[in-house]
Amino acid sequence: MNGTLNKVILIGHLGDDVKLHYFDGGDCVGRFNLATNESYTNKSSGERVTNTEWHAVVLRNKAAEICEKYLSKGDKVYVEGKLKTRKWQSKEGVDRYTTEVHVNEFTFLNTKKQTDPQAKQTPQEAPSGIDTPPDDDLPF
């Protein structure tokens, strides 16, 4: 392969509800943490060990609004996108870096709202894959 590829596929559970931030002009960004688990049996002790990895997930505009509407903490979701590292400064003025998964496709695998008979809308009404604008830098 002559080129390069930056592609991430994750299936995990939301660590918290989707948080939206709106900008002047109406665009928005949504964020949530996604937990993926890896389990194995320790050969020496025989005990089952589970390691959790946390991923910072970012969605934009309509995709962010759909996820905020239908997903909540604990829900299982498939996300596909690319890794981006963002530089920011702490309150103390120290440079920090955060690596995020910028999502361009997603599929709800189960939601609390999907199993709740009182829910007014079901996730089937929402598109399962949304393209997001390419390579926008976050202003914060």
N, C-alpha and C. Protein backbone atom coordinates (compact mmCIF):
# COMPACT_ATOMS: atom_id res chain seq x y z
N MET A 1 0.85 -1.18 0.00
CA MET A 1 0.00 0.00 0.00
C MET A 1 0.89 1.24 0.00
N ASN A 2 0.69 2.11 -0.96
CA ASN A 2 1.51 3.31 -1.09
C ASN A 2 1.06 4.44 -0.19
N GLY A 3 -0.24 4.52 0.10
CA GLY A 3 -0.77 5.62 0.89
C GLY A 3 -0.81 5.29 2.37
N THR A 4 -1.51 6.10 3.10
CA THR A 4 -1.69 5.88 4.53
C THR A 4 -3.19 5.82 4.81
N LEU A 5 -3.51 5.33 6.00
CA LEU A 5 -4.91 5.19 6.37
C LEU A 5 -5.07 5.55 7.84
N ASN A 6 -6.03 6.39 8.15
CA ASN A 6 -6.37 6.75 9.51
C ASN A 6 -7.83 6.38 9.69
N LYS A 7 -8.08 5.18 10.22
CA LYS A 7 -9.45 4.69 10.37
C LYS A 7 -9.58 3.97 11.70
N VAL A 8 -10.66 4.27 12.42
CA VAL A 8 -10.93 3.66 13.71
C VAL A 8 -12.34 3.10 13.69
N ILE A 9 -12.49 1.86 14.18
CA ILE A 9 -13.80 1.25 14.35
C ILE A 9 -13.88 0.78 15.79
N LEU A 10 -14.91 1.23 16.51
CA LEU A 10 -15.10 0.84 17.90
C LEU A 10 -16.54 0.42 18.15
N ILE A 11 -16.71 -0.55 19.03
CA ILE A 11 -18.02 -0.91 19.57
C ILE A 11 -17.86 -0.86 21.07
N GLY A 12 -18.66 -0.01 21.71
CA GLY A 12 -18.53 0.13 23.15
C GLY A 12 -19.77 0.74 23.77
N HIS A 13 -19.63 1.07 25.05
CA HIS A 13 -20.72 1.64 25.83
C HIS A 13 -20.39 3.07 26.22
N LEU A 14 -21.40 3.95 26.17
CA LEU A 14 -21.21 5.34 26.56
C LEU A 14 -20.94 5.43 28.05
N GLY A 15 -19.94 6.21 28.41
CA GLY A 15 -19.61 6.43 29.81
C GLY A 15 -20.46 7.52 30.43
N ASP A 16 -21.10 8.33 29.60
CA ASP A 16 -21.96 9.41 30.07
C ASP A 16 -22.86 9.82 28.90
N ASP A 17 -23.82 10.68 29.16
CA ASP A 17 -24.68 11.19 28.10
C ASP A 17 -23.87 12.04 27.12
N VAL A 18 -24.37 12.18 25.90
CA VAL A 18 -23.73 13.02 24.90
C VAL A 18 -23.89 14.48 25.32
N LYS A 19 -22.80 15.22 25.28
CA LYS A 19 -22.81 16.65 25.62
C LYS A 19 -22.66 17.45 24.34
N LEU A 20 -23.59 18.41 24.11
CA LEU A 20 -23.55 19.26 22.92
C LEU A 20 -23.03 20.64 23.27
N HIS A 21 -22.31 21.23 22.31
CA HIS A 21 -21.85 22.61 22.43
C HIS A 21 -22.18 23.30 21.11
N TYR A 22 -22.97 24.38 21.18
CA TYR A 22 -23.38 25.12 19.98
C TYR A 22 -22.48 26.33 19.79
N PHE A 23 -22.22 26.66 18.52
CA PHE A 23 -21.40 27.80 18.14
C PHE A 23 -22.29 28.86 17.49
N ASP A 24 -21.76 30.07 17.40
CA ASP A 24 -22.45 31.11 16.64
C ASP A 24 -22.63 30.60 15.21
N GLY A 25 -23.80 30.77 14.66
CA GLY A 25 -24.07 30.28 13.32
C GLY A 25 -24.84 28.96 13.31
N GLY A 26 -24.99 28.33 14.48
CA GLY A 26 -25.82 27.14 14.57
C GLY A 26 -25.11 25.81 14.51
N ASP A 27 -23.82 25.78 14.13
CA ASP A 27 -23.10 24.51 14.12
C ASP A 27 -22.92 24.02 15.55
N CYS A 28 -22.77 22.71 15.70
CA CYS A 28 -22.55 22.16 17.04
C CYS A 28 -21.58 20.99 16.99
N VAL A 29 -21.05 20.68 18.15
CA VAL A 29 -20.17 19.53 18.32
C VAL A 29 -20.70 18.73 19.52
N GLY A 30 -20.69 17.42 19.39
CA GLY A 30 -21.12 16.55 20.47
C GLY A 30 -19.94 15.71 20.92
N ARG A 31 -19.89 15.45 22.22
CA ARG A 31 -18.79 14.67 22.79
C ARG A 31 -19.32 13.65 23.77
N PHE A 32 -18.67 12.50 23.81
CA PHE A 32 -18.91 11.52 24.87
C PHE A 32 -17.71 10.59 24.95
N ASN A 33 -17.58 9.92 26.09
CA ASN A 33 -16.54 8.92 26.27
C ASN A 33 -17.14 7.55 26.00
N LEU A 34 -16.38 6.71 25.31
CA LEU A 34 -16.81 5.37 24.95
C LEU A 34 -15.87 4.36 25.61
N ALA A 35 -16.45 3.39 26.30
CA ALA A 35 -15.66 2.35 26.96
C ALA A 35 -15.66 1.08 26.12
N THR A 36 -14.46 0.55 25.87
CA THR A 36 -14.33 -0.77 25.25
C THR A 36 -13.62 -1.67 26.27
N ASN A 37 -14.00 -2.94 26.30
CA ASN A 37 -13.46 -3.87 27.28
C ASN A 37 -12.73 -5.02 26.60
N GLU A 38 -11.68 -5.47 27.25
CA GLU A 38 -10.93 -6.64 26.82
C GLU A 38 -10.84 -7.57 28.02
N SER A 39 -11.26 -8.81 27.86
CA SER A 39 -11.24 -9.77 28.96
C SER A 39 -10.36 -10.96 28.61
N TYR A 40 -9.69 -11.46 29.62
CA TYR A 40 -8.87 -12.66 29.45
C TYR A 40 -8.77 -13.36 30.80
N THR A 41 -8.30 -14.60 30.77
CA THR A 41 -8.10 -15.36 32.00
C THR A 41 -6.61 -15.38 32.31
N ASN A 42 -6.26 -14.94 33.51
CA ASN A 42 -4.88 -14.96 33.97
C ASN A 42 -4.45 -16.41 34.12
N LYS A 43 -3.41 -16.81 33.36
CA LYS A 43 -2.99 -18.22 33.35
C LYS A 43 -2.46 -18.70 34.69
N SER A 44 -1.79 -17.82 35.43
CA SER A 44 -1.21 -18.26 36.70
C SER A 44 -2.24 -18.34 37.82
N SER A 45 -3.19 -17.41 37.85
CA SER A 45 -4.16 -17.41 38.95
C SER A 45 -5.51 -18.02 38.55
N GLY A 46 -5.78 -18.07 37.24
CA GLY A 46 -7.05 -18.59 36.77
C GLY A 46 -8.20 -17.61 36.88
N GLU A 47 -7.93 -16.40 37.37
CA GLU A 47 -9.01 -15.42 37.52
C GLU A 47 -9.26 -14.68 36.22
N ARG A 48 -10.50 -14.26 36.06
CA ARG A 48 -10.92 -13.51 34.87
C ARG A 48 -10.55 -12.04 35.08
N VAL A 49 -9.86 -11.45 34.11
CA VAL A 49 -9.41 -10.07 34.18
C VAL A 49 -10.06 -9.28 33.05
N THR A 50 -10.60 -8.11 33.36
CA THR A 50 -11.19 -7.24 32.35
C THR A 50 -10.50 -5.89 32.41
N ASN A 51 -10.00 -5.44 31.27
CA ASN A 51 -9.39 -4.12 31.16
C ASN A 51 -10.32 -3.23 30.32
N THR A 52 -10.54 -2.02 30.80
CA THR A 52 -11.39 -1.06 30.10
C THR A 52 -10.52 0.05 29.52
N GLU A 53 -10.74 0.35 28.26
CA GLU A 53 -10.06 1.45 27.58
C GLU A 53 -11.11 2.52 27.29
N TRP A 54 -10.78 3.79 27.57
CA TRP A 54 -11.71 4.89 27.34
C TRP A 54 -11.28 5.67 26.11
N HIS A 55 -12.25 6.04 25.28
CA HIS A 55 -12.00 6.77 24.03
C HIS A 55 -12.85 8.04 24.01
N ALA A 56 -12.22 9.16 23.68
CA ALA A 56 -12.94 10.43 23.53
C ALA A 56 -13.53 10.48 22.12
N VAL A 57 -14.85 10.62 22.03
CA VAL A 57 -15.56 10.58 20.75
C VAL A 57 -16.14 11.96 20.45
N VAL A 58 -16.00 12.39 19.19
CA VAL A 58 -16.48 13.70 18.75
C VAL A 58 -17.36 13.52 17.52
N LEU A 59 -18.53 14.16 17.54
CA LEU A 59 -19.44 14.18 16.38
C LEU A 59 -19.80 15.62 16.09
N ARG A 60 -20.25 15.88 14.87
CA ARG A 60 -20.58 17.25 14.49
C ARG A 60 -22.01 17.37 13.97
N ASN A 61 -22.57 18.52 14.24
CA ASN A 61 -23.84 18.98 13.67
C ASN A 61 -24.96 17.96 13.79
N LYS A 62 -25.58 17.55 12.69
CA LYS A 62 -26.77 16.69 12.75
C LYS A 62 -26.46 15.35 13.43
N ALA A 63 -25.28 14.79 13.16
CA ALA A 63 -24.89 13.53 13.80
C ALA A 63 -24.84 13.70 15.32
N ALA A 64 -24.30 14.81 15.78
CA ALA A 64 -24.23 15.08 17.22
C ALA A 64 -25.63 15.22 17.81
N GLU A 65 -26.51 15.92 17.11
CA GLU A 65 -27.87 16.12 17.62
C GLU A 65 -28.64 14.81 17.67
N ILE A 66 -28.47 13.95 16.67
CA ILE A 66 -29.15 12.66 16.67
C ILE A 66 -28.66 11.80 17.83
N CYS A 67 -27.35 11.74 18.02
CA CYS A 67 -26.80 10.93 19.12
C CYS A 67 -27.23 11.48 20.47
N GLU A 68 -27.26 12.79 20.62
CA GLU A 68 -27.69 13.39 21.89
C GLU A 68 -29.15 13.04 22.17
N LYS A 69 -29.96 12.97 21.13
CA LYS A 69 -31.39 12.69 21.28
C LYS A 69 -31.65 11.24 21.66
N TYR A 70 -30.91 10.30 21.09
CA TYR A 70 -31.22 8.89 21.25
C TYR A 70 -30.30 8.11 22.18
N LEU A 71 -29.08 8.58 22.40
CA LEU A 71 -28.14 7.82 23.22
C LEU A 71 -28.05 8.37 24.64
N SER A 72 -27.80 7.47 25.59
CA SER A 72 -27.56 7.90 26.96
C SER A 72 -26.53 6.96 27.59
N LYS A 73 -26.09 7.32 28.75
CA LYS A 73 -25.05 6.57 29.47
C LYS A 73 -25.39 5.08 29.50
N GLY A 74 -24.40 4.25 29.15
CA GLY A 74 -24.56 2.81 29.16
C GLY A 74 -24.98 2.20 27.84
N ASP A 75 -25.49 3.00 26.91
CA ASP A 75 -25.93 2.48 25.62
C ASP A 75 -24.74 1.97 24.80
N LYS A 76 -25.02 0.95 23.99
CA LYS A 76 -23.99 0.36 23.14
C LYS A 76 -24.10 0.94 21.74
N VAL A 77 -22.94 1.32 21.17
CA VAL A 77 -22.93 1.98 19.87
C VAL A 77 -21.69 1.56 19.08
N TYR A 78 -21.86 1.49 17.77
CA TYR A 78 -20.77 1.28 16.81
C TYR A 78 -20.39 2.64 16.26
N VAL A 79 -19.10 2.97 16.29
CA VAL A 79 -18.64 4.23 15.70
C VAL A 79 -17.48 3.95 14.77
N GLU A 80 -17.42 4.73 13.71
CA GLU A 80 -16.34 4.62 12.74
C GLU A 80 -15.88 6.03 12.41
N GLY A 81 -14.57 6.23 12.39
CA GLY A 81 -14.05 7.55 12.09
C GLY A 81 -12.54 7.54 11.99
N LYS A 82 -11.94 8.67 12.38
CA LYS A 82 -10.49 8.79 12.32
C LYS A 82 -9.96 9.43 13.60
N LEU A 83 -8.70 9.18 13.89
CA LEU A 83 -8.06 9.77 15.06
C LEU A 83 -7.55 11.16 14.75
N LYS A 84 -7.77 12.08 15.68
CA LYS A 84 -7.21 13.42 15.59
C LYS A 84 -6.68 13.80 16.96
N THR A 85 -5.51 14.39 16.99
CA THR A 85 -4.93 14.86 18.24
C THR A 85 -5.06 16.38 18.29
N ARG A 86 -5.59 16.86 19.39
CA ARG A 86 -5.87 18.28 19.57
C ARG A 86 -4.99 18.81 20.70
N LYS A 87 -4.38 19.97 20.46
CA LYS A 87 -3.55 20.62 21.48
C LYS A 87 -4.37 21.70 22.17
N TRP A 88 -4.27 21.78 23.49
CA TRP A 88 -4.96 22.80 24.27
C TRP A 88 -4.12 23.15 25.49
N GLN A 89 -4.51 24.22 26.15
CA GLN A 89 -3.75 24.65 27.34
C GLN A 89 -4.60 24.51 28.59
N SER A 90 -3.96 24.00 29.65
CA SER A 90 -4.63 23.88 30.94
C SER A 90 -4.77 25.26 31.57
N LYS A 91 -5.50 25.34 32.67
CA LYS A 91 -5.66 26.62 33.37
C LYS A 91 -4.32 27.17 33.83
N GLU A 92 -3.36 26.28 34.05
CA GLU A 92 -2.02 26.68 34.49
C GLU A 92 -1.13 27.09 33.32
N GLY A 93 -1.65 27.02 32.09
CA GLY A 93 -0.89 27.41 30.91
C GLY A 93 -0.01 26.31 30.34
N VAL A 94 -0.19 25.08 30.81
CA VAL A 94 0.60 23.95 30.33
C VAL A 94 -0.06 23.37 29.08
N ASP A 95 0.76 23.11 28.05
CA ASP A 95 0.24 22.49 26.84
C ASP A 95 -0.19 21.06 27.13
N ARG A 96 -1.39 20.71 26.67
CA ARG A 96 -1.94 19.36 26.82
C ARG A 96 -2.37 18.87 25.44
N TYR A 97 -2.45 17.56 25.31
CA TYR A 97 -2.87 16.94 24.07
C TYR A 97 -3.95 15.92 24.35
N THR A 98 -4.96 15.88 23.49
CA THR A 98 -6.04 14.91 23.61
C THR A 98 -6.22 14.24 22.25
N THR A 99 -6.24 12.91 22.25
CA THR A 99 -6.50 12.18 21.02
C THR A 99 -7.97 11.78 21.01
N GLU A 100 -8.66 12.13 19.92
CA GLU A 100 -10.11 11.92 19.82
C GLU A 100 -10.44 11.10 18.59
N VAL A 101 -11.58 10.41 18.65
CA VAL A 101 -12.13 9.72 17.49
C VAL A 101 -13.18 10.64 16.88
N HIS A 102 -12.90 11.15 15.69
CA HIS A 102 -13.86 12.01 14.98
C HIS A 102 -14.71 11.11 14.09
N VAL A 103 -15.98 10.99 14.46
CA VAL A 103 -16.88 10.01 13.87
C VAL A 103 -17.47 10.50 12.56
N ASN A 104 -17.49 9.60 11.56
CA ASN A 104 -18.19 9.91 10.31
C ASN A 104 -19.33 8.92 10.04
N GLU A 105 -19.38 7.81 10.80
CA GLU A 105 -20.50 6.87 10.72
C GLU A 105 -20.75 6.28 12.10
N PHE A 106 -22.02 5.97 12.38
CA PHE A 106 -22.36 5.34 13.65
C PHE A 106 -23.62 4.52 13.48
N THR A 107 -23.77 3.53 14.36
CA THR A 107 -24.98 2.71 14.38
C THR A 107 -25.34 2.44 15.83
N PHE A 108 -26.58 2.68 16.19
CA PHE A 108 -27.05 2.36 17.54
C PHE A 108 -27.20 0.84 17.65
N LEU A 109 -26.57 0.23 18.62
CA LEU A 109 -26.70 -1.21 18.81
C LEU A 109 -27.75 -1.54 19.85
N ASN A 110 -27.89 -0.71 20.84
CA ASN A 110 -29.05 -0.77 21.75
C ASN A 110 -29.10 0.55 22.50
N THR A 111 -30.29 0.99 22.80
CA THR A 111 -30.45 2.21 23.59
C THR A 111 -31.52 1.96 24.63
N LYS A 112 -31.43 2.68 25.73
CA LYS A 112 -32.47 2.59 26.76
C LYS A 112 -33.80 3.05 26.19
N LYS A 113 -33.74 4.06 25.35
CA LYS A 113 -34.97 4.59 24.75
C LYS A 113 -35.59 3.57 23.81
N GLN A 114 -34.77 2.70 23.22
CA GLN A 114 -35.26 1.67 22.31
C GLN A 114 -36.08 0.63 23.08
N THR A 115 -35.68 0.31 24.31
CA THR A 115 -36.37 -0.71 25.09
C THR A 115 -37.46 -0.13 25.97
N ASP A 116 -37.56 1.20 26.06
CA ASP A 116 -38.55 1.87 26.90
C ASP A 116 -39.85 2.05 26.11
N PRO A 117 -40.95 1.36 26.48
CA PRO A 117 -42.19 1.49 25.72
C PRO A 117 -42.80 2.88 25.82
N GLN A 118 -42.36 3.69 26.79
CA GLN A 118 -42.87 5.05 26.94
C GLN A 118 -42.16 6.05 26.02
N ALA A 119 -41.08 5.62 25.38
CA ALA A 119 -40.33 6.53 24.52
C ALA A 119 -41.20 6.98 23.35
N LYS A 120 -41.15 8.29 23.05
CA LYS A 120 -42.00 8.85 22.00
C LYS A 120 -41.49 8.51 20.61
N GLN A 121 -40.15 8.42 20.46
CA GLN A 121 -39.58 8.10 19.16
C GLN A 121 -38.61 6.94 19.35
N THR A 122 -38.48 6.13 18.32
CA THR A 122 -37.57 5.00 18.39
C THR A 122 -36.33 5.29 17.56
N PRO A 123 -35.20 4.64 17.89
CA PRO A 123 -33.98 4.88 17.12
C PRO A 123 -34.11 4.49 15.65
N GLN A 124 -35.07 3.64 15.29
CA GLN A 124 -35.22 3.28 13.89
C GLN A 124 -35.57 4.50 13.03
N GLU A 125 -36.10 5.54 13.66
CA GLU A 125 -36.44 6.75 12.91
C GLU A 125 -35.21 7.58 12.59
N ALA A 126 -34.09 7.31 13.27
CA ALA A 126 -32.87 8.07 13.05
C ALA A 126 -31.99 7.36 12.05
N PRO A 127 -31.30 8.10 11.19
CA PRO A 127 -30.37 7.47 10.26
C PRO A 127 -29.25 6.78 11.03
N SER A 128 -28.78 5.65 10.50
CA SER A 128 -27.74 4.91 11.20
C SER A 128 -26.33 5.35 10.80
N GLY A 129 -26.18 6.13 9.79
CA GLY A 129 -24.85 6.60 9.40
C GLY A 129 -24.94 8.02 8.88
N ILE A 130 -24.15 8.90 9.45
CA ILE A 130 -24.19 10.31 9.07
C ILE A 130 -22.78 10.75 8.74
N ASP A 131 -22.61 11.42 7.60
CA ASP A 131 -21.31 11.97 7.27
C ASP A 131 -21.16 13.31 7.96
N THR A 132 -19.97 13.57 8.48
CA THR A 132 -19.69 14.84 9.13
C THR A 132 -18.78 15.67 8.24
N PRO A 133 -18.77 16.98 8.43
CA PRO A 133 -17.89 17.82 7.61
C PRO A 133 -16.43 17.41 7.78
N PRO A 134 -15.63 17.53 6.74
CA PRO A 134 -14.24 17.10 6.82
C PRO A 134 -13.35 18.08 7.57
N ASP A 135 -12.49 17.55 8.42
CA ASP A 135 -11.33 18.22 9.00
C ASP A 135 -11.57 19.62 9.57
N ASP A 136 -12.66 19.86 10.24
CA ASP A 136 -12.85 21.14 10.90
C ASP A 136 -12.08 21.13 12.21
N ASP A 137 -11.40 22.23 12.52
CA ASP A 137 -10.70 22.35 13.79
C ASP A 137 -11.68 22.85 14.83
N LEU A 138 -11.58 22.29 16.03
CA LEU A 138 -12.43 22.73 17.13
C LEU A 138 -11.87 24.04 17.69
N PRO A 139 -12.72 25.01 17.96
CA PRO A 139 -12.24 26.30 18.44
C PRO A 139 -12.00 26.35 19.93
N PHE A 140 -12.11 25.23 20.64
CA PHE A 140 -11.86 25.24 22.08
C PHE A 140 -11.04 24.05 22.50
